[in-house]
Amino acid sequence: MYTLIGFAIIGIPWATLSKIDETGTARGRIEPKGATHKLDSLAGGSVKTVNIKEGDRVKAGQVLLELESDILQTELQQTQSKLEGLQNRRSQLELLQNQLQLSIGVLEQQNQSQASEKLAQVSQAQQNLDTKQSTYNLQKLEREAQLLQVQQQINTAINEQKAASSRLEIDTKQVERFSKLVEDGAVSATQIDELKKQQQESKRLYERATSDITQAKYRLTEEQNRSQATINQLQSDIKQAKLRLQEAQSSAQSTIQAGKLAVMKTKEQLKDLQTQITAIRSEIAQTQSQITAIKLQLQKYIVRSPIDGTIFELPVTKPGAVIQPGQRIAQIAPQTSDLVLKAQMPSQDSGFLKVGMPVKVKFDAYPFQEYGIVPGKVTWISPDSKINETPAGNIGTYELEVTLEKRYVQSGNKQVFLTAGQTANAEVIIRQRRVIDFVLDPFKKLQKGGLDM
């Protein structure tokens, strides 16, 4: 009896003055506030690896997943092997080009040296010919002078012979005439002896002149023979010198022409080689472009995160899935974006729901008994409800957005940051009621029911 009286004295005032929260529960998940980065596949194929899962934090450039690219990898290897072969061939051709360029320089130097040598031989042969010609002209003049001298001696001897012959004839006639006079006694014997002596002297002179003519003619013949022999020898020497000059000129021309031909052929080889090098360089550039294109294509088979953020949605979670070009791969919440809880509340619990109402958020991944709750408030309510199909039937719900006061939960000194995609229950504090109202409600409903009857 006293216990009941005491409970009434204490309990009734407490029930009248104390209040408890009346809540409406909404189910939802954390999403970034604002637009997410939608990542679509640039290539199609089978998924090879998936390196992340929903809720993971990623860095810009981090590989999210890879597609099978064996065919492209094989093509890349083949093209790279082709490029290596082309580059080796180009190196060989460039080495040969350098050798040919050096050969051309050496050939030109050799040609210049040989040409100088041959031209020197031609000049020497020309000088030899000129010398022979000069010697011939000089010897000819000398021989002609000697022949002229001998001819003059002959002419002199002939004149002397004529004079001696005339004198001898006169002396002979006088001797004959004076011999008759001696017989007649008209001339002394002494005079005839003198005349005979003169006759003998004239005869001697005549005979000497005749002998001189014979000797001079002999000398003339000998001199003519010697002159002709000398002239013939000199003409032969000139002919030989001309032949040697012609041979030297022909040899020089042949050597120079052969040198020019060798240089020309080498230059033609060099030109052909340069054409090959130009063609192979072009082919190398095309092959490098092919490699670049294949690598760019391969980059499409490696999906990377374009930004720092959190994986919000990940439709593809396992290897083996087939992806089409343009298919959505993931949604990434930017690292700098705010997080909100987007939830749905049954219509039956939303009667007093208003923007600004406080919210207690309990995350599935972090038991509230250990990590506590995250406070927030309702910042947006959908103007209309929508019908959702559930196993329990069609249920009308309102969508609402809850802004969180902090982005982490805490257990002791450990802070765990929340990420997009995490699910939670949001308990919206719709109103506060006195404890006694919960006690009186059945009686009020009973009384109302009686009145209605």
Protein backbone atom coordinates (compact mmCIF):
# COMPACT_ATOMS: atom_id res chain seq x y z
CA MET A 1 0.00 0.00 0.00
CA TYR A 2 2.75 2.39 0.96
CA THR A 3 4.76 1.24 -2.04
CA LEU A 4 1.97 2.12 -4.40
CA ILE A 5 1.52 5.47 -2.73
CA GLY A 6 5.27 6.13 -3.02
CA PHE A 7 5.37 5.11 -6.69
CA ALA A 8 2.45 7.40 -7.41
CA ILE A 9 4.09 10.28 -5.59
CA ILE A 10 7.36 9.83 -7.51
CA GLY A 11 6.28 8.24 -10.84
CA ILE A 12 3.38 10.48 -11.76
CA PRO A 13 5.42 13.72 -11.64
CA TRP A 14 8.31 12.01 -13.55
CA ALA A 15 5.95 10.68 -16.23
CA THR A 16 4.36 14.08 -16.53
CA LEU A 17 7.61 16.02 -16.80
CA SER A 18 9.93 13.55 -18.64
CA LYS A 19 9.90 13.34 -22.41
CA ILE A 20 11.17 10.72 -24.90
CA ASP A 21 11.86 10.92 -28.66
CA GLU A 22 9.32 9.66 -31.11
CA THR A 23 11.23 8.64 -34.27
CA GLY A 24 10.59 7.58 -37.83
CA THR A 25 13.10 5.19 -39.36
CA ALA A 26 14.47 5.66 -42.87
CA ARG A 27 16.74 3.26 -44.75
CA GLY A 28 19.47 4.60 -47.05
CA ARG A 29 23.10 4.90 -47.98
CA ILE A 30 25.80 7.56 -48.12
CA GLU A 31 26.15 9.34 -51.45
CA PRO A 32 28.22 12.30 -52.57
CA LYS A 33 26.43 15.58 -52.59
CA GLY A 34 26.38 16.80 -56.12
CA ALA A 35 27.44 15.04 -59.32
CA THR A 36 29.56 11.90 -59.31
CA HIS A 37 32.16 11.10 -61.95
CA LYS A 38 30.68 8.49 -64.24
CA LEU A 39 33.31 6.22 -65.75
CA ASP A 40 32.43 4.37 -68.98
CA SER A 41 34.51 1.75 -70.75
CA LEU A 42 36.30 2.90 -73.89
CA ALA A 43 36.80 -0.68 -75.08
CA GLY A 44 34.90 -3.92 -75.03
CA GLY A 45 35.98 -7.34 -73.88
CA SER A 46 36.22 -9.76 -71.02
CA VAL A 47 37.24 -8.46 -67.60
CA LYS A 48 40.65 -9.81 -66.57
CA THR A 49 41.03 -8.35 -63.08
CA VAL A 50 39.02 -6.14 -60.73
CA ASN A 51 41.26 -4.36 -58.27
CA ILE A 52 38.71 -2.42 -56.21
CA LYS A 53 35.31 -2.73 -54.60
CA GLU A 54 32.55 -0.32 -53.71
CA GLY A 55 33.57 2.10 -50.96
CA ASP A 56 37.30 1.91 -51.73
CA ARG A 57 39.24 5.14 -51.85
CA VAL A 58 41.16 5.56 -55.08
CA LYS A 59 43.79 7.93 -56.40
CA ALA A 60 43.90 9.54 -59.81
CA GLY A 61 45.60 7.14 -62.20
CA GLN A 62 45.00 4.08 -60.03
CA VAL A 63 44.13 0.96 -61.99
CA LEU A 64 40.54 -0.06 -61.27
CA LEU A 65 40.18 -3.01 -63.60
CA GLU A 66 41.76 -4.57 -66.66
CA LEU A 67 40.23 -6.14 -69.74
CA GLU A 68 41.67 -9.10 -71.64
CA SER A 69 44.05 -7.74 -74.30
CA ASP A 70 46.04 -10.79 -75.42
CA ILE A 71 45.42 -10.12 -79.13
CA LEU A 72 46.59 -6.53 -78.85
CA GLN A 73 49.58 -7.58 -76.72
CA THR A 74 50.58 -10.12 -79.38
CA GLU A 75 50.16 -7.49 -82.09
CA LEU A 76 52.24 -5.06 -80.04
CA GLN A 77 55.04 -7.61 -79.60
CA GLN A 78 55.03 -8.43 -83.30
CA THR A 79 55.07 -4.75 -84.25
CA GLN A 80 57.87 -4.05 -81.75
CA SER A 81 59.86 -6.97 -83.19
CA LYS A 82 59.26 -5.56 -86.67
CA LEU A 83 60.43 -2.14 -85.45
CA GLU A 84 63.57 -3.65 -83.94
CA GLY A 85 64.33 -5.42 -87.24
CA LEU A 86 63.77 -2.21 -89.19
CA GLN A 87 65.99 -0.22 -86.83
CA ASN A 88 68.75 -2.84 -87.14
CA ARG A 89 68.42 -2.72 -90.92
CA ARG A 90 68.53 1.09 -90.83
CA SER A 91 71.70 0.96 -88.69
CA GLN A 92 73.31 -1.41 -91.19
CA LEU A 93 72.32 0.80 -94.13
CA GLU A 94 73.55 3.95 -92.36
CA LEU A 95 76.86 2.22 -91.60
CA LEU A 96 77.15 1.23 -95.26
CA GLN A 97 76.23 4.80 -96.22
CA ASN A 98 79.07 6.15 -94.08
CA GLN A 99 81.45 3.64 -95.64
CA LEU A 100 80.36 4.66 -99.15
CA GLN A 101 80.76 8.35 -98.31
CA LEU A 102 84.27 7.63 -97.05
CA SER A 103 84.94 5.54 -100.16
CA ILE A 104 83.84 8.43 -102.39
CA GLY A 105 86.23 10.76 -100.58
CA VAL A 106 89.08 8.24 -100.91
CA LEU A 107 88.25 7.61 -104.59
CA GLU A 108 88.18 11.33 -105.34
CA GLN A 109 91.56 11.77 -103.64
CA GLN A 110 92.95 8.78 -105.52
CA ASN A 111 91.52 10.11 -108.78
CA GLN A 112 93.07 13.49 -108.14
CA SER A 113 96.43 11.91 -107.34
CA GLN A 114 96.31 9.55 -110.32
CA ALA A 115 95.13 12.35 -112.60
CA SER A 116 98.01 14.55 -111.43
CA GLU A 117 100.45 11.68 -112.01
CA LYS A 118 99.06 10.89 -115.46
CA LEU A 119 98.97 14.55 -116.46
CA ALA A 120 102.56 14.85 -115.30
CA GLN A 121 103.42 11.88 -117.53
CA VAL A 122 101.59 13.55 -120.42
CA SER A 123 103.48 16.77 -119.75
CA GLN A 124 106.76 14.86 -119.61
CA ALA A 125 105.92 13.06 -122.85
CA GLN A 126 105.01 16.40 -124.45
CA GLN A 127 108.28 17.91 -123.26
CA ASN A 128 110.16 14.89 -124.62
CA LEU A 129 108.39 15.31 -127.96
CA ASP A 130 109.15 19.01 -128.00
CA THR A 131 112.80 18.24 -127.22
CA LYS A 132 112.94 15.65 -129.97
CA GLN A 133 111.33 18.08 -132.39
CA SER A 134 113.75 20.82 -131.40
CA THR A 135 116.69 18.43 -131.75
CA TYR A 136 115.40 17.36 -135.15
CA ASN A 137 115.05 20.95 -136.33
CA LEU A 138 118.50 21.85 -135.03
CA GLN A 139 120.16 18.75 -136.48
CA LYS A 140 118.40 19.33 -139.77
CA LEU A 141 119.71 22.87 -139.92
CA GLU A 142 123.20 21.71 -138.97
CA ARG A 143 123.18 18.91 -141.54
CA GLU A 144 121.88 21.20 -144.22
CA ALA A 145 124.64 23.69 -143.34
CA GLN A 146 127.27 20.94 -143.52
CA LEU A 147 125.92 19.69 -146.84
CA LEU A 148 125.89 23.22 -148.13
CA GLN A 149 129.49 23.64 -147.00
CA VAL A 150 130.57 20.41 -148.75
CA GLN A 151 128.62 21.46 -151.82
CA GLN A 152 130.40 24.78 -151.75
CA GLN A 153 133.74 22.96 -151.46
CA ILE A 154 132.77 20.88 -154.51
CA ASN A 155 131.80 24.01 -156.37
CA THR A 156 135.09 25.61 -155.39
CA ALA A 157 137.02 22.51 -156.47
CA ILE A 158 135.11 22.44 -159.77
CA ASN A 159 135.96 26.08 -160.35
CA GLU A 160 139.58 25.37 -159.49
CA GLN A 161 139.49 22.33 -161.81
CA LYS A 162 138.13 24.47 -164.59
CA ALA A 163 140.78 27.11 -163.97
CA ALA A 164 143.50 24.44 -163.79
CA SER A 165 142.14 22.76 -166.92
CA SER A 166 142.15 26.04 -168.79
CA ARG A 167 145.66 26.84 -167.56
CA LEU A 168 146.84 23.32 -168.45
CA GLU A 169 145.38 23.64 -171.92
CA ILE A 170 147.12 27.00 -172.41
CA ASP A 171 150.41 25.66 -171.05
CA THR A 172 150.16 22.56 -173.24
CA LYS A 173 149.58 24.67 -176.34
CA GLN A 174 152.51 26.90 -175.48
CA VAL A 175 154.77 23.90 -174.94
CA GLU A 176 153.73 22.49 -178.28
CA ARG A 177 154.23 25.89 -179.97
CA PHE A 178 157.56 26.61 -178.30
CA SER A 179 158.75 23.05 -179.01
CA LYS A 180 158.51 23.83 -182.75
CA LEU A 181 160.35 27.09 -182.17
CA VAL A 182 163.09 25.22 -180.30
CA GLU A 183 163.56 23.00 -183.35
CA ASP A 184 163.81 26.09 -185.43
CA GLY A 185 166.27 27.53 -182.98
CA ALA A 186 164.04 30.47 -182.27
CA VAL A 187 163.63 29.67 -178.56
CA SER A 188 166.19 28.36 -176.20
CA ALA A 189 165.86 24.98 -174.52
CA THR A 190 165.79 26.73 -171.17
CA GLN A 191 162.59 28.52 -172.04
CA ILE A 192 160.89 25.36 -173.12
CA ASP A 193 161.91 23.70 -169.89
CA GLU A 194 160.28 26.56 -167.98
CA LEU A 195 157.14 26.15 -169.99
CA LYS A 196 157.10 22.43 -169.38
CA LYS A 197 157.47 23.06 -165.67
CA GLN A 198 154.48 25.40 -165.81
CA GLN A 199 152.58 22.74 -167.75
CA GLN A 200 153.39 20.15 -165.08
CA GLU A 201 152.33 22.57 -162.34
CA SER A 202 149.04 23.22 -164.12
CA LYS A 203 148.56 19.52 -164.58
CA ARG A 204 149.28 18.98 -160.92
CA LEU A 205 146.79 21.65 -159.98
CA TYR A 206 144.25 20.17 -162.35
CA GLU A 207 144.73 16.70 -160.92
CA ARG A 208 144.56 18.04 -157.36
CA ALA A 209 141.36 19.91 -158.17
CA THR A 210 139.94 16.78 -159.75
CA SER A 211 140.95 14.81 -156.66
CA ASP A 212 139.40 17.47 -154.42
CA ILE A 213 136.18 17.20 -156.41
CA THR A 214 136.14 13.44 -156.03
CA GLN A 215 136.87 13.64 -152.33
CA ALA A 216 134.32 16.40 -151.83
CA LYS A 217 131.69 14.42 -153.65
CA TYR A 218 132.56 11.43 -151.52
CA ARG A 219 132.29 13.57 -148.40
CA LEU A 220 129.02 14.95 -149.71
CA THR A 221 127.69 11.44 -150.21
CA GLU A 222 128.85 10.42 -146.75
CA GLU A 223 127.47 13.59 -145.23
CA GLN A 224 124.17 13.07 -147.02
CA ASN A 225 124.06 9.49 -145.76
CA ARG A 226 124.91 10.59 -142.21
CA SER A 227 122.40 13.43 -142.42
CA GLN A 228 119.73 11.11 -143.73
CA ALA A 229 120.52 8.56 -141.01
CA THR A 230 120.43 11.27 -138.38
CA ILE A 231 117.24 12.71 -139.80
CA ASN A 232 115.71 9.25 -139.99
CA GLN A 233 116.72 8.53 -136.39
CA LEU A 234 115.39 11.85 -135.21
CA GLN A 235 112.17 11.32 -137.12
CA SER A 236 111.92 7.87 -135.56
CA ASP A 237 112.55 9.39 -132.14
CA ILE A 238 109.86 11.99 -132.83
CA LYS A 239 107.48 9.26 -133.93
CA GLN A 240 108.23 7.26 -130.78
CA ALA A 241 107.81 10.40 -128.67
CA LYS A 242 104.47 11.06 -130.34
CA LEU A 243 103.41 7.48 -129.67
CA ARG A 244 104.49 7.80 -126.05
CA LEU A 245 102.60 11.10 -125.82
CA GLN A 246 99.50 9.49 -127.31
CA GLU A 247 99.88 6.54 -124.97
CA ALA A 248 100.31 8.90 -122.00
CA GLN A 249 97.29 10.94 -123.08
CA SER A 250 95.23 7.80 -123.65
CA SER A 251 96.35 6.35 -120.31
CA ALA A 252 95.59 9.63 -118.55
CA GLN A 253 92.18 9.88 -120.19
CA SER A 254 91.44 6.24 -119.44
CA THR A 255 92.57 6.58 -115.82
CA ILE A 256 90.62 9.80 -115.27
CA GLN A 257 87.55 8.34 -116.95
CA ALA A 258 87.83 5.12 -114.93
CA GLY A 259 88.18 7.15 -111.73
CA LYS A 260 85.15 9.27 -112.61
CA LEU A 261 83.20 6.13 -113.47
CA ALA A 262 84.15 4.51 -110.14
CA VAL A 263 83.06 7.64 -108.25
CA MET A 264 79.85 7.86 -110.30
CA LYS A 265 79.00 4.20 -109.63
CA THR A 266 79.71 4.65 -105.93
CA LYS A 267 77.55 7.78 -105.86
CA GLU A 268 74.78 5.86 -107.60
CA GLN A 269 75.10 3.14 -104.96
CA LEU A 270 75.01 5.85 -102.28
CA LYS A 271 71.93 7.43 -103.86
CA ASP A 272 70.19 4.05 -104.03
CA LEU A 273 71.22 3.40 -100.44
CA GLN A 274 69.89 6.79 -99.33
CA THR A 275 66.61 5.99 -101.07
CA GLN A 276 66.45 2.73 -99.11
CA ILE A 277 67.28 4.58 -95.87
CA THR A 278 64.54 7.15 -96.57
CA ALA A 279 62.06 4.36 -97.26
CA ILE A 280 63.03 2.41 -94.15
CA ARG A 281 62.89 5.58 -92.01
CA SER A 282 59.39 6.17 -93.31
CA GLU A 283 58.49 2.57 -92.51
CA ILE A 284 60.02 2.97 -89.03
CA ALA A 285 57.92 6.10 -88.46
CA GLN A 286 54.80 4.25 -89.60
CA THR A 287 55.64 1.30 -87.35
CA GLN A 288 56.26 3.63 -84.40
CA SER A 289 52.90 5.24 -85.09
CA GLN A 290 51.34 1.77 -85.13
CA ILE A 291 52.99 0.97 -81.79
CA THR A 292 51.76 4.27 -80.35
CA ALA A 293 48.25 3.54 -81.65
CA ILE A 294 48.33 0.01 -80.17
CA LYS A 295 49.59 1.35 -76.84
CA LEU A 296 46.85 3.96 -76.85
CA GLN A 297 44.39 1.18 -77.64
CA LEU A 298 45.85 -0.93 -74.81
CA GLN A 299 45.37 1.98 -72.43
CA LYS A 300 41.66 1.66 -73.09
CA TYR A 301 41.87 -1.91 -71.75
CA ILE A 302 43.31 -0.65 -68.46
CA VAL A 303 40.67 1.40 -66.66
CA ARG A 304 42.16 4.01 -64.34
CA SER A 305 40.54 6.42 -61.95
CA PRO A 306 40.51 9.91 -63.43
CA ILE A 307 40.22 11.59 -60.02
CA ASP A 308 40.89 11.12 -56.33
CA GLY A 309 37.74 9.86 -54.71
CA THR A 310 35.67 6.94 -53.51
CA ILE A 311 34.10 4.16 -55.54
CA PHE A 312 30.41 4.88 -55.24
CA GLU A 313 28.99 2.32 -57.64
CA LEU A 314 30.74 -0.65 -59.21
CA PRO A 315 28.49 -2.66 -61.54
CA VAL A 316 31.34 -5.01 -62.50
CA THR A 317 32.75 -6.81 -59.49
CA LYS A 318 34.26 -10.06 -60.80
CA PRO A 319 36.62 -11.17 -63.56
CA GLY A 320 35.08 -12.84 -66.57
CA ALA A 321 32.29 -10.34 -67.09
CA VAL A 322 31.91 -9.10 -70.65
CA ILE A 323 31.87 -5.33 -71.13
CA GLN A 324 30.69 -3.45 -74.19
CA PRO A 325 32.24 -0.16 -75.33
CA GLY A 326 30.50 2.73 -73.59
CA GLN A 327 29.20 0.54 -70.77
CA ARG A 328 29.18 2.08 -67.30
CA ILE A 329 32.05 0.71 -65.20
CA ALA A 330 31.92 2.79 -62.03
CA GLN A 331 30.81 5.97 -60.40
CA ILE A 332 33.39 7.81 -58.35
CA ALA A 333 32.58 10.36 -55.71
CA PRO A 334 35.15 13.17 -55.78
CA GLN A 335 37.33 13.32 -52.69
CA THR A 336 36.39 16.94 -52.05
CA SER A 337 32.62 16.40 -52.32
CA ASP A 338 30.45 16.41 -49.21
CA LEU A 339 28.68 13.22 -48.18
CA VAL A 340 24.98 13.02 -47.45
CA LEU A 341 22.70 10.16 -46.49
CA LYS A 342 19.97 9.57 -49.05
CA ALA A 343 17.21 7.48 -47.51
CA GLN A 344 13.59 6.44 -47.89
CA MET A 345 11.00 6.64 -45.09
CA PRO A 346 7.62 4.85 -45.14
CA SER A 347 4.71 7.21 -45.57
CA GLN A 348 3.14 6.04 -42.30
CA ASP A 349 6.14 7.41 -40.34
CA SER A 350 6.40 10.70 -42.19
CA GLY A 351 3.37 12.53 -40.94
CA PHE A 352 5.30 15.06 -38.89
CA LEU A 353 8.48 14.95 -41.07
CA LYS A 354 9.95 18.39 -41.73
CA VAL A 355 13.20 19.84 -43.05
CA GLY A 356 15.57 20.69 -40.24
CA MET A 357 14.54 17.79 -37.98
CA PRO A 358 17.45 16.13 -36.15
CA VAL A 359 18.54 12.64 -37.18
CA LYS A 360 20.47 9.82 -35.51
CA VAL A 361 22.35 7.75 -38.10
CA LYS A 362 23.42 4.17 -37.31
CA PHE A 363 25.74 2.53 -39.88
CA ASP A 364 25.49 -1.16 -40.69
CA ALA A 365 29.26 -1.52 -40.93
CA TYR A 366 29.87 0.09 -37.53
CA PRO A 367 27.70 -1.19 -34.64
CA PHE A 368 26.43 1.86 -32.77
CA GLN A 369 27.07 0.14 -29.43
CA GLU A 370 30.81 0.42 -30.22
CA TYR A 371 31.07 3.32 -32.65
CA GLY A 372 28.07 5.35 -31.54
CA ILE A 373 25.82 7.31 -33.85
CA VAL A 374 26.45 10.16 -36.25
CA PRO A 375 24.12 13.12 -35.72
CA GLY A 376 22.62 14.96 -38.68
CA LYS A 377 19.55 16.80 -39.86
CA VAL A 378 17.01 16.53 -42.62
CA THR A 379 17.91 18.97 -45.42
CA TRP A 380 15.53 17.81 -48.18
CA ILE A 381 12.25 15.89 -48.47
CA SER A 382 10.72 14.75 -51.76
CA PRO A 383 7.44 16.57 -52.48
CA ASP A 384 5.65 13.33 -53.37
CA SER A 385 5.85 9.77 -52.23
CA LYS A 386 6.59 6.90 -54.57
CA ILE A 387 5.57 3.28 -54.47
CA ASN A 388 8.32 0.69 -53.96
CA GLU A 389 7.79 -3.02 -54.49
CA THR A 390 8.93 -5.10 -51.51
CA PRO A 391 8.44 -8.72 -50.44
CA ALA A 392 5.82 -7.39 -48.00
CA GLY A 393 3.94 -5.67 -50.81
CA ASN A 394 3.86 -2.18 -52.27
CA ILE A 395 4.92 0.47 -49.76
CA GLY A 396 4.75 4.21 -50.23
CA THR A 397 7.93 6.07 -49.25
CA TYR A 398 9.28 9.57 -49.17
CA GLU A 399 12.86 10.29 -50.22
CA LEU A 400 14.88 12.47 -47.91
CA GLU A 401 18.41 13.78 -47.65
CA VAL A 402 20.28 13.93 -44.38
CA THR A 403 23.35 16.11 -43.87
CA LEU A 404 25.84 14.57 -41.44
CA GLU A 405 27.55 16.62 -38.77
CA LYS A 406 30.78 14.64 -39.15
CA ARG A 407 32.28 12.31 -41.75
CA TYR A 408 33.56 9.66 -39.43
CA VAL A 409 32.61 7.34 -36.61
CA GLN A 410 34.78 6.90 -33.56
CA SER A 411 35.70 4.00 -31.29
CA GLY A 412 37.85 5.20 -28.43
CA ASN A 413 40.66 7.23 -30.01
CA LYS A 414 40.21 5.61 -33.41
CA GLN A 415 38.44 7.57 -36.12
CA VAL A 416 37.03 5.69 -39.12
CA PHE A 417 36.05 7.90 -42.03
CA LEU A 418 32.81 7.21 -43.84
CA THR A 419 32.77 6.47 -47.54
CA ALA A 420 30.16 6.71 -50.24
CA GLY A 421 28.05 3.60 -50.63
CA GLN A 422 27.88 2.64 -46.95
CA THR A 423 24.35 1.81 -45.78
CA ALA A 424 22.67 3.00 -42.60
CA ASN A 425 19.42 3.49 -40.67
CA ALA A 426 18.40 7.07 -40.10
CA GLU A 427 16.19 7.68 -37.06
CA VAL A 428 14.45 11.01 -37.57
CA ILE A 429 13.25 12.59 -34.31
CA ILE A 430 9.77 13.54 -35.41
CA ARG A 431 8.65 14.86 -32.00
CA GLN A 432 9.15 14.52 -28.24
CA ARG A 433 6.30 13.23 -26.06
CA ARG A 434 5.77 12.93 -22.32
CA VAL A 435 6.04 9.49 -20.88
CA ILE A 436 2.57 9.80 -19.35
CA ASP A 437 1.11 10.31 -22.86
CA PHE A 438 2.18 6.77 -23.79
CA VAL A 439 0.33 5.53 -20.61
CA LEU A 440 -2.81 7.54 -21.31
CA ASP A 441 -2.99 6.81 -25.07
CA PRO A 442 -4.79 3.44 -24.65
CA PHE A 443 -7.36 5.01 -22.36
CA LYS A 444 -7.90 7.89 -24.75
CA LYS A 445 -8.39 5.49 -27.63
CA LEU A 446 -10.80 3.40 -25.49
CA GLN A 447 -12.73 6.51 -24.48
CA LYS A 448 -12.85 7.70 -28.08
CA GLY A 449 -14.09 4.32 -29.14
CA GLY A 450 -16.85 4.41 -26.54
CA LEU A 451 -17.97 7.81 -27.62
CA ASP A 452 -18.04 6.73 -31.21
CA MET A 453 -20.33 3.86 -30.22
